[in-house]
Structures are given as structure tokens and as C-alpha cells.
Amino acid sequence: MISYAPLWETMKRENATSYTLRNKNENYNISGSTMKRLKANQSVSTNTLDTLCKILNCKVEDILIYVPD
């Protein structure tokens, strides 16, 4: 299972909120439906992961972790 627990820690460290992710600028933003998917540990696209890394200036490891079932 993929967990987005590291994302919430990275957001804390970067002083970013859900509002920050949704309204960074016209080129980089995350939709409300995608935020719901992240909070529920559901799948998101690699484009979304790329955008999160750009917004938070981090690596993909700072956003997700694989947790064996």
C-alpha cells in the first residue's frame, strides 16, 4: 500500500497548507479532488507527484512511502 504520511510531515516542515497546494500559482496547483485522494491514500498520477515535488521543493520520498500489506 502507498501511504502519503510523509507528505503531511513535509508540508509541516515547509509551512505549507492544503491551501498552499491548491493555490500555489497558475502553473502548479493541486485540485480539491486530488487532495481528497491523497488524504485517503488513494492513487494519484505521476504528474501529481511531480507537481507536489515542485511546489514543496522536495523528493518523491518526502511525499510517499510503500507499506507492505
N, C-alpha and C. Protein backbone atom coordinates (compact mmCIF):
# COMPACT_ATOMS: atom_id res chain seq x y z
N MET A 1 0.84 -1.17 0.00
CA MET A 1 0.00 0.00 0.00
C MET A 1 0.89 1.24 0.00
N ILE A 2 0.48 2.23 -0.73
CA ILE A 2 1.18 3.52 -0.73
C ILE A 2 0.56 4.41 0.33
N SER A 3 1.40 4.99 1.15
CA SER A 3 0.93 5.92 2.18
C SER A 3 1.52 7.30 1.90
N TYR A 4 0.68 8.30 2.06
CA TYR A 4 1.14 9.68 1.86
C TYR A 4 1.46 10.36 3.18
N ALA A 5 1.69 9.58 4.22
CA ALA A 5 2.04 10.15 5.53
C ALA A 5 3.24 11.09 5.45
N PRO A 6 4.30 10.75 4.68
CA PRO A 6 5.42 11.68 4.60
C PRO A 6 5.05 13.05 4.01
N LEU A 7 4.02 13.08 3.17
CA LEU A 7 3.58 14.36 2.58
C LEU A 7 3.18 15.34 3.67
N TRP A 8 2.40 14.87 4.63
CA TRP A 8 1.89 15.77 5.68
C TRP A 8 3.03 16.28 6.56
N GLU A 9 4.05 15.44 6.79
CA GLU A 9 5.23 15.88 7.55
C GLU A 9 6.04 16.90 6.74
N THR A 10 6.18 16.66 5.45
CA THR A 10 6.90 17.59 4.58
C THR A 10 6.17 18.93 4.53
N MET A 11 4.87 18.88 4.44
CA MET A 11 4.09 20.13 4.43
C MET A 11 4.31 20.91 5.72
N LYS A 12 4.32 20.21 6.85
CA LYS A 12 4.57 20.87 8.15
C LYS A 12 5.94 21.53 8.15
N ARG A 13 6.93 20.78 7.69
CA ARG A 13 8.31 21.27 7.68
C ARG A 13 8.46 22.50 6.77
N GLU A 14 7.72 22.52 5.67
CA GLU A 14 7.79 23.63 4.71
C GLU A 14 6.76 24.73 4.99
N ASN A 15 6.04 24.60 6.10
CA ASN A 15 4.98 25.56 6.44
C ASN A 15 3.97 25.72 5.31
N ALA A 16 3.60 24.60 4.71
CA ALA A 16 2.63 24.60 3.61
C ALA A 16 1.31 24.02 4.11
N THR A 17 0.23 24.54 3.61
CA THR A 17 -1.10 24.05 3.96
C THR A 17 -1.76 23.47 2.71
N SER A 18 -2.93 22.90 2.88
CA SER A 18 -3.69 22.43 1.73
C SER A 18 -3.98 23.60 0.80
N TYR A 19 -4.23 24.76 1.38
CA TYR A 19 -4.46 25.97 0.58
C TYR A 19 -3.24 26.27 -0.29
N THR A 20 -2.06 26.12 0.27
CA THR A 20 -0.82 26.34 -0.48
C THR A 20 -0.77 25.43 -1.70
N LEU A 21 -1.09 24.16 -1.51
CA LEU A 21 -1.03 23.20 -2.61
C LEU A 21 -2.08 23.49 -3.66
N ARG A 22 -3.24 23.96 -3.23
CA ARG A 22 -4.33 24.20 -4.18
C ARG A 22 -4.17 25.52 -4.92
N ASN A 23 -3.40 26.46 -4.37
CA ASN A 23 -3.33 27.79 -4.95
C ASN A 23 -1.91 28.33 -5.09
N LYS A 24 -0.95 27.45 -5.34
CA LYS A 24 0.45 27.89 -5.44
C LYS A 24 0.60 28.98 -6.51
N ASN A 25 0.23 28.67 -7.71
CA ASN A 25 0.21 29.64 -8.80
C ASN A 25 -0.52 28.99 -9.98
N GLU A 26 -0.62 29.68 -11.07
CA GLU A 26 -1.40 29.14 -12.19
C GLU A 26 -0.74 27.92 -12.83
N ASN A 27 0.57 27.74 -12.67
CA ASN A 27 1.27 26.61 -13.27
C ASN A 27 1.28 25.37 -12.37
N TYR A 28 1.33 25.57 -11.08
CA TYR A 28 1.41 24.46 -10.14
C TYR A 28 0.30 24.57 -9.11
N ASN A 29 -0.66 23.66 -9.17
CA ASN A 29 -1.67 23.59 -8.12
C ASN A 29 -2.27 22.19 -8.12
N ILE A 30 -2.84 21.82 -7.00
CA ILE A 30 -3.43 20.51 -6.79
C ILE A 30 -4.93 20.71 -6.60
N SER A 31 -5.74 19.94 -7.30
CA SER A 31 -7.19 20.10 -7.22
C SER A 31 -7.72 19.58 -5.88
N GLY A 32 -8.91 20.02 -5.55
CA GLY A 32 -9.56 19.57 -4.32
C GLY A 32 -9.81 18.07 -4.34
N SER A 33 -10.19 17.53 -5.48
CA SER A 33 -10.44 16.09 -5.57
C SER A 33 -9.15 15.30 -5.38
N THR A 34 -8.05 15.83 -5.87
CA THR A 34 -6.76 15.16 -5.67
C THR A 34 -6.36 15.22 -4.20
N MET A 35 -6.63 16.33 -3.55
CA MET A 35 -6.34 16.43 -2.11
C MET A 35 -7.11 15.36 -1.35
N LYS A 36 -8.37 15.14 -1.71
CA LYS A 36 -9.17 14.09 -1.05
C LYS A 36 -8.55 12.72 -1.28
N ARG A 37 -8.06 12.48 -2.50
CA ARG A 37 -7.42 11.20 -2.81
C ARG A 37 -6.15 11.01 -1.98
N LEU A 38 -5.37 12.06 -1.84
CA LEU A 38 -4.15 11.97 -1.03
C LEU A 38 -4.48 11.68 0.43
N LYS A 39 -5.47 12.34 0.96
CA LYS A 39 -5.86 12.13 2.36
C LYS A 39 -6.38 10.71 2.60
N ALA A 40 -6.95 10.09 1.57
CA ALA A 40 -7.48 8.72 1.68
C ALA A 40 -6.47 7.67 1.23
N ASN A 41 -5.23 8.07 0.96
CA ASN A 41 -4.18 7.17 0.47
C ASN A 41 -4.61 6.42 -0.79
N GLN A 42 -5.32 7.12 -1.67
CA GLN A 42 -5.71 6.54 -2.94
C GLN A 42 -4.68 6.94 -4.00
N SER A 43 -4.76 6.28 -5.14
CA SER A 43 -3.75 6.52 -6.18
C SER A 43 -3.89 7.92 -6.79
N VAL A 44 -2.74 8.47 -7.15
CA VAL A 44 -2.67 9.74 -7.88
C VAL A 44 -1.68 9.55 -9.01
N SER A 45 -1.72 10.43 -9.98
CA SER A 45 -0.84 10.30 -11.14
C SER A 45 0.60 10.71 -10.82
N THR A 46 1.50 10.27 -11.68
CA THR A 46 2.89 10.70 -11.53
C THR A 46 3.01 12.20 -11.80
N ASN A 47 2.13 12.75 -12.61
CA ASN A 47 2.13 14.21 -12.83
C ASN A 47 1.81 14.93 -11.52
N THR A 48 0.90 14.38 -10.74
CA THR A 48 0.57 14.97 -9.44
C THR A 48 1.77 14.91 -8.52
N LEU A 49 2.45 13.78 -8.50
CA LEU A 49 3.65 13.65 -7.65
C LEU A 49 4.71 14.66 -8.08
N ASP A 50 4.88 14.82 -9.38
CA ASP A 50 5.83 15.79 -9.91
C ASP A 50 5.47 17.21 -9.45
N THR A 51 4.19 17.54 -9.54
CA THR A 51 3.73 18.87 -9.12
C THR A 51 3.96 19.08 -7.63
N LEU A 52 3.66 18.08 -6.81
CA LEU A 52 3.89 18.19 -5.37
C LEU A 52 5.37 18.43 -5.08
N CYS A 53 6.24 17.70 -5.77
CA CYS A 53 7.68 17.89 -5.57
C CYS A 53 8.10 19.32 -5.94
N LYS A 54 7.54 19.86 -7.01
CA LYS A 54 7.86 21.23 -7.43
C LYS A 54 7.36 22.24 -6.41
N ILE A 55 6.12 22.07 -5.96
CA ILE A 55 5.55 23.03 -5.00
C ILE A 55 6.32 23.01 -3.69
N LEU A 56 6.63 21.80 -3.20
CA LEU A 56 7.26 21.66 -1.89
C LEU A 56 8.79 21.63 -1.97
N ASN A 57 9.33 21.67 -3.19
CA ASN A 57 10.78 21.62 -3.38
C ASN A 57 11.38 20.43 -2.62
N CYS A 58 10.88 19.24 -2.96
CA CYS A 58 11.30 18.04 -2.25
C CYS A 58 11.45 16.87 -3.23
N LYS A 59 11.84 15.72 -2.69
CA LYS A 59 11.95 14.49 -3.47
C LYS A 59 10.68 13.68 -3.28
N VAL A 60 10.45 12.73 -4.18
CA VAL A 60 9.25 11.90 -4.09
C VAL A 60 9.23 11.11 -2.77
N GLU A 61 10.39 10.77 -2.23
CA GLU A 61 10.47 10.06 -0.95
C GLU A 61 9.90 10.89 0.20
N ASP A 62 9.85 12.21 0.00
CA ASP A 62 9.29 13.11 1.02
C ASP A 62 7.78 13.19 0.93
N ILE A 63 7.19 12.49 -0.06
CA ILE A 63 5.75 12.57 -0.30
C ILE A 63 5.06 11.24 -0.01
N LEU A 64 5.71 10.13 -0.34
CA LEU A 64 5.04 8.84 -0.16
C LEU A 64 5.99 7.78 0.33
N ILE A 65 5.41 6.71 0.84
CA ILE A 65 6.18 5.56 1.30
C ILE A 65 5.37 4.31 0.97
N TYR A 66 6.08 3.25 0.64
CA TYR A 66 5.42 1.97 0.41
C TYR A 66 5.35 1.22 1.73
N VAL A 67 4.15 0.77 2.09
CA VAL A 67 3.94 -0.01 3.31
C VAL A 67 3.40 -1.37 2.88
N PRO A 68 4.16 -2.46 3.10
CA PRO A 68 3.65 -3.78 2.70
C PRO A 68 2.34 -4.10 3.41
N ASP A 69 1.45 -4.79 2.72
CA ASP A 69 0.16 -5.18 3.30
C ASP A 69 0.33 -6.27 4.33
